Amino acid sequence: MGKKELYVDLLIITVLTITVIAFAVLFQKHIESYNGKGHDGSFYYQMARHMSEYHRPFTSKPFIYNVAIPFISAMFFRIGITDNLLSAFKFVNVLASIISIFLLYIWLNLWEIKRFWKLLLVSLFIFSWLAPLRMSFCFPAHTDPGAWVFILGILILIKIDKPYMWLLISLASFAGAFVRMASIILLPLVYIIESTKTNGKYRIPSIKAFIPLISCLLGFFILQFLIFKAEGFSLFNTSIHWIFVKPLSKVAFTPFYAFGPIIFLLFLDSETVKSFMKENIALSFYLLTIVFLSYIGGSAGTRLIYFALPVVAVILGLILSGNKIKLDTPIIIFLLFSQSLSMRVFAPIPVAKSSEEEVVNNPEIKTAPRFSLEPPRQADKPLILSPLTPLSSKACFLDMYADHASKKIFFQNMLFYLLIGSILILYIKFKNEKKTDC
């Protein structure tokens, strides 16, 4: 790619990002639960408030371990960049989201993906309701944008594969442990697996390959001396619980909630998927681990599986850039329109709360309330189809997630994705067979 094309791409991405930010500022409201903080955000806000008063952070596990974003937000508030903590969270997370957008572009540039599809995949990341940029305007007090920066940054360093990269990966892994240990710990493991491959052959990794993992664990160890932990919930016990009680229907449709109808392309070109998985064992490990974590992650499954986007985007880019699936103009328009509906491009993220979200109203939360599979709704909030939502915020925020959606909403969405998938698969197969006969 020449410099001219690069500058044009960066300009397009910048314009799209500014457009989304402008519309979010004008139309996106804060989530209603916990006074605009949301469930998880109440814990992070509590941490940030303590640190803004120069106290050691204190809140429940596992939220207490994600200390970096609350700390940076607290410092921005202290030095007067924002006039309140929630605005500080929004400022920090929007900044991290913008960085992650350009990191995704760099990541996709490292693969043989055609320019048009590369820009399209980055655009989907910019516009998606579940992606960090839009979510930061609805749900400011969260830590996912920081995790995105480190996940994409470390993946880029691993892919570049220069002799000195182990040092940069080690430093990033150490810092990432303070952002979101549960997400970042996978990247040093990916690096170890990738280090076993040399010139297409596999060997025992060198001691140097384990330094990023040691750095990450060292960061987590140091973190223990910087925080106060209140009793929360056991990740292990909760994971075991969800293995047995999570409906398989919700497991099956979680990827569609997260990525939209475009992932049906994975079924239409399974050969490219298999080839990628076989040639990229480390990234396959990352992808499958994220999928498994979304299963045992309980009510956070939709959000967790979205962290597989770096790998899913590469596979989709290779499929779209290849010649095994012929996409003509009508089906591209249909796919983009259905994808836009799924990503809620035409409407703000709904912000209304369910009644169970207010089990704990006090921001000084000591323990984390557990959501049921079927959280009760407030009678005055409409239940609407998540992808086909009106231009309004008056819908339940949790209905956007496969894990929390009411049975009515989940069933409607299931029919929506099955219908879109059936049209895509039948049309593309018909066109391919017709061309073969000719």
Foldseek 3Di string as FASTA:
>chain_A
DDPVLVVVLVVVLVVLLVVLVVCLVVAFDAFPFLNRAFQLRLQLCQQLVCVLVVHFGEAAPPSLQQNDLSNQLSVCCNVPVDVDSLVSLLVSQLVLLSLLLVLLLLLLVLAPFDPVLSSVLSSLLSQFCLHRNQVCSHNRRDQVSVLSNLVSVLSSLLSVDDPCSLVVLLVSLLVCSSRPLVRSLLSLVLQLQSQQADPNHGHHHDPSSCNSNVSNVVSSVVSVVRHHHFHEDDLVVLLVVLLPPPDVLLLVCLVCLQQNLLLLLCVVCVVLVVVCCVSRVSLVVSLVVQSSCLRSVFLCNSSSNNSNSSVSSNSSSVSVRDDSFDDDDVLVVLRVVRSCLSSVSVARQARYEAPVSVPPNDSRDRYRDDADQEGHGDPVADDDARSNDDRDNRHHNSCSGSSHNHPVNNVVVVVSSVVSSVVNNVVRVVVVVVVVVD
